[in-house]
Amino acid sequence: MSAPAIDSPDTLSRWIPSRTARGFFLAVVSGIFFNFLNASVKELAGEMPPLFVAWGRWAAGIALIAPYLLWRAGLAGMKTQDLKLHCFRGLFHTSGYALWYEAVVWLPLATMAALSFTGPIFVTVGAVIFLRETVHWRRWLAVGIGFAGMLIIVRPGLVTVNPGIIYMLCAVPLIAGSNLVAKVVSGRDKPAVVVLWQSVVGAICFTPLGIWFWQTPTADQLLLFLSAGFFGTMGYFFITWAYRLLDISALQPITFLGIVWAALMDVAVWGKTSDIWTFVGAAVIVASTTYIAHREAKAGAAAGGKKT
């Protein structure tokens, strides 16, 4: 007997008829799951080597998503339409999250969330450098403002630059690249299949590091690994489902709620959060990247795809 298809287009449409509303709802839910993933990982990385934690998180993800696919559709349900694209995404995803797992030891979750908002800024600069796209002055102004917001958070020369800041600023463009590829692959495979292959590629890439940094987990740590696997799997499942419904640019503003969840988690679990300048800088970055997303949406709708 097969499992119910929880990623069927009809599953949510019965309760949320609007395609846009469904996409926003799924993005919000994914953000909450990701926040619990981040908290689990931060706890683990404070006790174990971060790159071993990364391997354990992906291994736990496979342990959770593979049985669901087997129950639902057997081995055929695990088949992907484009393995090369999953592997290509894995290059961005695993390298970006290797840096991210190193950063989580050093930074409050709210600071990490704020710095992650710079993704569209890096995407814009990368489009100019690598894709030779033409970007007009309005978007360059937005990029400049977003960069200023980042400087407000980092405050180089005024405070000691935390190593976690460097890790995050290197991780963000790689994760942004992974998200762009995820949007493409989500149109070819169902969300559960996308999440499975993401976990498989991640686990394979991190296995040498997992062996090198091996540390036998305690019962409590094993429970945290399973929690990280569950929350991460569900978070990526819901955001991949959202990508099937809406463009990344349309979903971008929803991701800004991440700093709210992160700040609440910082206070609830560790009794403190980022300083006021992190939130001021985040507000500046949010304004900048929202404008960039708006211009991207307009450019995509314009005839000939002209950039404005």
Protein backbone atom coordinates (compact mmCIF):
# COMPACT_ATOMS: atom_id res chain seq x y z
CA MET A 1 0.00 0.00 0.00
CA SER A 2 1.41 3.38 -0.98
CA ALA A 3 1.51 6.46 1.22
CA PRO A 4 -0.65 9.50 0.48
CA ALA A 5 1.02 12.02 -1.80
CA ILE A 6 1.50 14.92 0.55
CA ASP A 7 3.13 16.96 -2.23
CA SER A 8 0.17 16.57 -4.58
CA PRO A 9 -1.06 19.89 -6.05
CA ASP A 10 -4.52 19.13 -4.67
CA THR A 11 -3.43 18.60 -1.07
CA LEU A 12 -3.42 22.26 -0.03
CA SER A 13 -5.68 23.68 -2.73
CA ARG A 14 -8.71 22.31 -0.90
CA TRP A 15 -8.05 24.70 1.97
CA ILE A 16 -6.03 27.45 0.23
CA PRO A 17 -7.46 27.98 -3.28
CA SER A 18 -5.07 30.81 -4.23
CA ARG A 19 -1.79 29.61 -5.78
CA THR A 20 0.03 32.70 -4.44
CA ALA A 21 -1.34 32.21 -0.93
CA ARG A 22 -0.28 28.55 -1.00
CA GLY A 23 3.24 29.52 -2.05
CA PHE A 24 3.51 32.12 0.73
CA PHE A 25 2.11 29.70 3.32
CA LEU A 26 4.59 26.99 2.36
CA ALA A 27 7.48 29.49 2.49
CA VAL A 28 6.47 30.64 5.98
CA VAL A 29 6.18 27.06 7.24
CA SER A 30 9.56 26.18 5.74
CA GLY A 31 11.15 29.16 7.52
CA ILE A 32 9.87 27.94 10.88
CA PHE A 33 11.24 24.45 10.27
CA PHE A 34 14.60 25.89 9.18
CA ASN A 35 14.77 27.88 12.40
CA PHE A 36 14.42 24.71 14.47
CA LEU A 37 17.04 23.08 12.22
CA ASN A 38 19.42 25.96 12.91
CA ALA A 39 18.87 25.71 16.66
CA SER A 40 19.53 21.94 16.63
CA VAL A 41 22.69 22.39 14.58
CA LYS A 42 23.96 25.25 16.76
CA GLU A 43 23.60 23.07 19.85
CA LEU A 44 25.44 20.19 18.19
CA ALA A 45 28.19 22.35 16.70
CA GLY A 46 28.92 23.75 20.16
CA GLU A 47 29.79 20.22 21.31
CA MET A 48 31.13 18.46 18.18
CA PRO A 49 33.18 19.37 15.07
CA PRO A 50 30.89 21.44 12.81
CA LEU A 51 31.76 19.50 9.65
CA PHE A 52 30.96 16.22 11.39
CA VAL A 53 27.63 17.78 12.39
CA ALA A 54 27.03 18.65 8.73
CA TRP A 55 27.57 15.02 7.70
CA GLY A 56 25.31 13.73 10.48
CA ARG A 57 22.55 16.15 9.56
CA TRP A 58 22.46 14.96 5.92
CA ALA A 59 22.70 11.29 6.92
CA ALA A 60 19.74 11.78 9.25
CA GLY A 61 17.87 13.46 6.40
CA ILE A 62 18.32 10.39 4.19
CA ALA A 63 17.16 8.13 7.03
CA LEU A 64 13.92 10.11 7.23
CA ILE A 65 13.04 10.86 3.59
CA ALA A 66 14.04 7.51 2.00
CA PRO A 67 11.51 5.39 3.96
CA TYR A 68 8.73 7.80 3.00
CA LEU A 69 9.54 7.48 -0.70
CA LEU A 70 9.85 3.71 -0.44
CA TRP A 71 6.47 3.51 1.29
CA ARG A 72 4.86 5.82 -1.19
CA ALA A 73 6.18 4.58 -4.54
CA GLY A 74 8.93 2.01 -4.03
CA LEU A 75 12.37 2.39 -5.62
CA ALA A 76 10.78 4.03 -8.66
CA GLY A 77 9.73 6.91 -6.43
CA MET A 78 13.38 7.76 -5.80
CA LYS A 79 14.25 8.17 -9.46
CA THR A 80 15.27 11.64 -10.58
CA GLN A 81 14.80 13.18 -14.01
CA ASP A 82 18.16 14.96 -13.93
CA LEU A 83 20.88 13.52 -11.69
CA LYS A 84 23.53 15.80 -13.21
CA LEU A 85 21.58 18.88 -12.14
CA HIS A 86 21.29 17.55 -8.57
CA CYS A 87 25.04 16.98 -8.51
CA PHE A 88 25.69 20.44 -9.92
CA ARG A 89 23.49 21.91 -7.21
CA GLY A 90 25.39 19.86 -4.67
CA LEU A 91 28.61 21.71 -5.51
CA PHE A 92 27.00 24.97 -4.38
CA HIS A 93 24.98 23.49 -1.56
CA THR A 94 27.64 21.47 0.22
CA SER A 95 30.38 24.09 -0.07
CA GLY A 96 28.01 26.84 1.07
CA TYR A 97 26.74 24.87 4.02
CA ALA A 98 30.21 23.70 5.03
CA LEU A 99 30.95 27.39 5.64
CA TRP A 100 27.53 27.91 7.21
CA TYR A 101 28.12 25.11 9.75
CA GLU A 102 31.42 26.71 10.70
CA ALA A 103 29.71 30.09 11.12
CA VAL A 104 26.92 28.83 13.37
CA VAL A 105 29.41 28.27 16.21
CA TRP A 106 30.37 31.93 16.21
CA LEU A 107 27.17 33.87 15.59
CA PRO A 108 23.68 34.32 17.03
CA LEU A 109 20.99 32.93 14.73
CA ALA A 110 19.57 36.42 14.16
CA THR A 111 22.92 37.69 12.86
CA MET A 112 23.17 34.71 10.51
CA ALA A 113 19.64 35.39 9.27
CA ALA A 114 20.45 39.06 8.69
CA LEU A 115 23.58 38.26 6.68
CA SER A 116 21.72 35.64 4.65
CA PHE A 117 19.49 38.43 3.33
CA THR A 118 22.43 39.65 1.22
CA GLY A 119 21.85 36.75 -1.20
CA PRO A 120 20.12 38.85 -3.91
CA ILE A 121 22.97 41.35 -3.75
CA PHE A 122 25.52 38.65 -4.56
CA VAL A 123 23.25 37.23 -7.26
CA THR A 124 23.06 40.66 -8.95
CA VAL A 125 26.83 41.16 -8.86
CA GLY A 126 27.39 37.60 -10.09
CA ALA A 127 24.98 38.13 -12.98
CA VAL A 128 27.06 41.08 -14.14
CA ILE A 129 30.44 39.37 -13.73
CA PHE A 130 29.64 35.87 -14.98
CA LEU A 131 26.54 36.27 -17.16
CA ARG A 132 27.40 39.69 -18.63
CA GLU A 133 23.94 40.99 -17.76
CA THR A 134 23.22 44.70 -17.98
CA VAL A 135 22.13 46.19 -14.66
CA HIS A 136 20.94 49.79 -14.64
CA TRP A 137 21.54 52.42 -12.01
CA ARG A 138 18.44 51.74 -9.88
CA ARG A 139 19.53 48.21 -9.09
CA TRP A 140 23.13 49.27 -8.57
CA LEU A 141 21.85 51.84 -6.07
CA ALA A 142 19.88 49.09 -4.31
CA VAL A 143 23.00 46.91 -4.25
CA GLY A 144 24.98 49.78 -2.75
CA ILE A 145 22.37 50.35 -0.07
CA GLY A 146 22.30 46.65 0.74
CA PHE A 147 26.08 46.64 1.02
CA ALA A 148 25.83 49.57 3.44
CA GLY A 149 23.38 47.52 5.50
CA MET A 150 25.91 44.71 5.63
CA LEU A 151 28.58 47.15 6.84
CA ILE A 152 26.23 48.29 9.61
CA ILE A 153 26.07 44.71 10.83
CA VAL A 154 29.78 43.99 10.45
CA ARG A 155 31.10 47.48 11.44
CA PRO A 156 34.68 46.81 10.30
CA GLY A 157 37.21 48.92 12.18
CA LEU A 158 34.72 49.65 14.96
CA VAL A 159 34.42 46.12 16.32
CA THR A 160 36.57 43.02 15.91
CA VAL A 161 35.40 41.11 12.85
CA ASN A 162 34.01 37.80 14.04
CA PRO A 163 35.29 34.80 12.01
CA GLY A 164 31.66 33.71 11.67
CA ILE A 165 30.97 36.88 9.68
CA ILE A 166 33.61 35.91 7.12
CA TYR A 167 32.26 32.37 6.89
CA MET A 168 28.71 33.63 6.35
CA LEU A 169 29.64 36.18 3.70
CA CYS A 170 31.42 33.42 1.78
CA ALA A 171 28.53 30.99 2.30
CA VAL A 172 25.68 33.28 1.18
CA PRO A 173 26.50 33.51 -2.57
CA LEU A 174 27.04 29.74 -2.72
CA ILE A 175 23.70 29.08 -1.03
CA ALA A 176 22.05 31.60 -3.36
CA GLY A 177 23.44 29.62 -6.30
CA SER A 178 22.03 26.43 -4.79
CA ASN A 179 18.60 28.04 -4.48
CA LEU A 180 18.64 29.11 -8.12
CA VAL A 181 19.44 25.57 -9.25
CA ALA A 182 16.78 24.26 -6.84
CA LYS A 183 14.20 26.37 -8.63
CA VAL A 184 15.12 24.69 -11.93
CA VAL A 185 15.21 21.15 -10.57
CA SER A 186 11.92 21.61 -8.67
CA GLY A 187 10.22 21.93 -12.06
CA ARG A 188 11.49 18.48 -13.06
CA ASP A 189 11.24 16.39 -9.87
CA LYS A 190 8.69 16.31 -7.10
CA PRO A 191 9.68 18.02 -3.82
CA ALA A 192 10.31 14.77 -1.93
CA VAL A 193 12.65 13.55 -4.69
CA VAL A 194 14.51 16.89 -4.74
CA VAL A 195 15.01 16.71 -0.96
CA LEU A 196 16.15 13.08 -1.11
CA TRP A 197 18.83 13.73 -3.74
CA GLN A 198 19.92 16.90 -1.99
CA SER A 199 20.46 14.82 1.16
CA VAL A 200 22.23 12.02 -0.76
CA VAL A 201 24.63 14.38 -2.51
CA GLY A 202 25.23 16.30 0.73
CA ALA A 203 25.93 13.14 2.71
CA ILE A 204 28.33 11.80 0.04
CA CYS A 205 30.25 15.07 -0.12
CA PHE A 206 30.53 15.34 3.66
CA THR A 207 31.35 11.65 4.30
CA PRO A 208 35.17 12.10 4.13
CA LEU A 209 34.87 14.99 6.60
CA GLY A 210 32.51 12.97 8.78
CA ILE A 211 35.07 10.14 8.96
CA TRP A 212 37.97 12.52 9.56
CA PHE A 213 36.20 14.37 12.39
CA TRP A 214 34.34 11.35 13.73
CA GLN A 215 33.07 11.64 17.28
CA THR A 216 30.65 9.06 18.66
CA PRO A 217 27.44 10.92 19.60
CA THR A 218 25.75 10.53 22.96
CA ALA A 219 22.07 9.64 23.16
CA ASP A 220 21.13 13.33 23.52
CA GLN A 221 23.31 14.27 20.55
CA LEU A 222 21.82 11.48 18.46
CA LEU A 223 18.36 12.85 19.25
CA LEU A 224 19.53 16.31 18.11
CA PHE A 225 20.86 14.81 14.87
CA LEU A 226 17.49 13.19 14.22
CA SER A 227 15.77 16.49 15.05
CA ALA A 228 18.06 18.32 12.63
CA GLY A 229 17.36 15.72 9.95
CA PHE A 230 13.61 16.03 10.48
CA PHE A 231 13.44 19.83 10.60
CA GLY A 232 15.84 20.22 7.67
CA THR A 233 14.01 17.66 5.55
CA MET A 234 10.63 19.27 6.19
CA GLY A 235 12.01 22.78 5.66
CA TYR A 236 13.49 21.90 2.27
CA PHE A 237 10.41 19.90 1.33
CA PHE A 238 8.11 22.89 1.92
CA ILE A 239 10.37 25.48 0.26
CA THR A 240 10.83 23.21 -2.79
CA TRP A 241 7.07 22.84 -2.99
CA ALA A 242 6.79 26.64 -2.80
CA TYR A 243 9.28 26.95 -5.69
CA ARG A 244 6.92 24.89 -7.82
CA LEU A 245 4.20 27.47 -7.22
CA LEU A 246 5.98 30.85 -7.29
CA ASP A 247 9.19 32.50 -8.51
CA ILE A 248 12.06 32.97 -6.08
CA SER A 249 11.73 36.75 -6.44
CA ALA A 250 8.11 36.58 -5.30
CA LEU A 251 9.05 34.47 -2.27
CA GLN A 252 12.02 36.62 -1.28
CA PRO A 253 10.11 38.95 1.10
CA ILE A 254 8.77 35.94 3.02
CA THR A 255 12.30 34.82 3.84
CA PHE A 256 12.79 38.05 5.79
CA LEU A 257 10.57 36.62 8.52
CA GLY A 258 13.56 34.40 9.26
CA ILE A 259 15.14 37.08 11.44
CA VAL A 260 11.99 37.18 13.58
CA TRP A 261 12.03 33.42 14.16
CA ALA A 262 15.80 33.49 14.72
CA ALA A 263 15.66 36.31 17.28
CA LEU A 264 12.88 34.52 19.17
CA MET A 265 14.88 31.28 19.16
CA ASP A 266 18.02 33.07 20.36
CA VAL A 267 16.11 34.42 23.36
CA ALA A 268 14.15 31.23 24.08
CA VAL A 269 17.14 28.86 23.98
CA TRP A 270 20.22 30.96 24.80
CA GLY A 271 18.67 33.93 26.61
CA LYS A 272 20.14 36.57 24.29
CA THR A 273 20.19 37.65 20.67
CA SER A 274 22.07 39.98 18.31
CA ASP A 275 22.71 43.64 19.11
CA ILE A 276 20.53 46.49 17.83
CA TRP A 277 22.89 47.23 14.92
CA THR A 278 22.21 43.80 13.46
CA PHE A 279 18.52 44.61 13.21
CA VAL A 280 19.20 48.13 11.83
CA GLY A 281 21.47 46.64 9.16
CA ALA A 282 18.94 43.91 8.44
CA ALA A 283 16.23 46.53 7.86
CA VAL A 284 18.47 48.31 5.34
CA ILE A 285 19.27 45.04 3.56
CA VAL A 286 15.59 44.03 3.53
CA ALA A 287 14.65 47.34 1.86
CA SER A 288 17.43 46.91 -0.71
CA THR A 289 16.78 43.27 -1.59
CA THR A 290 13.02 43.79 -1.72
CA TYR A 291 13.61 46.46 -4.36
CA ILE A 292 15.97 44.14 -6.25
CA ALA A 293 13.34 41.38 -6.16
CA HIS A 294 10.72 43.86 -7.38
CA ARG A 295 12.89 44.95 -10.32
CA GLU A 296 13.66 41.30 -11.13
CA ALA A 297 9.95 40.52 -11.24
CA LYS A 298 9.28 43.49 -13.53
CA ALA A 299 12.22 42.59 -15.75
CA GLY A 300 11.02 39.00 -16.03
CA ALA A 301 7.56 40.14 -17.07
CA ALA A 302 8.83 42.65 -19.63
CA ALA A 303 9.06 41.66 -23.27
CA GLY A 304 12.53 40.54 -24.22
CA GLY A 305 13.53 40.16 -20.55
CA LYS A 306 15.23 43.57 -20.38
CA LYS A 307 16.92 44.39 -17.07
CA THR A 308 15.97 47.67 -15.41
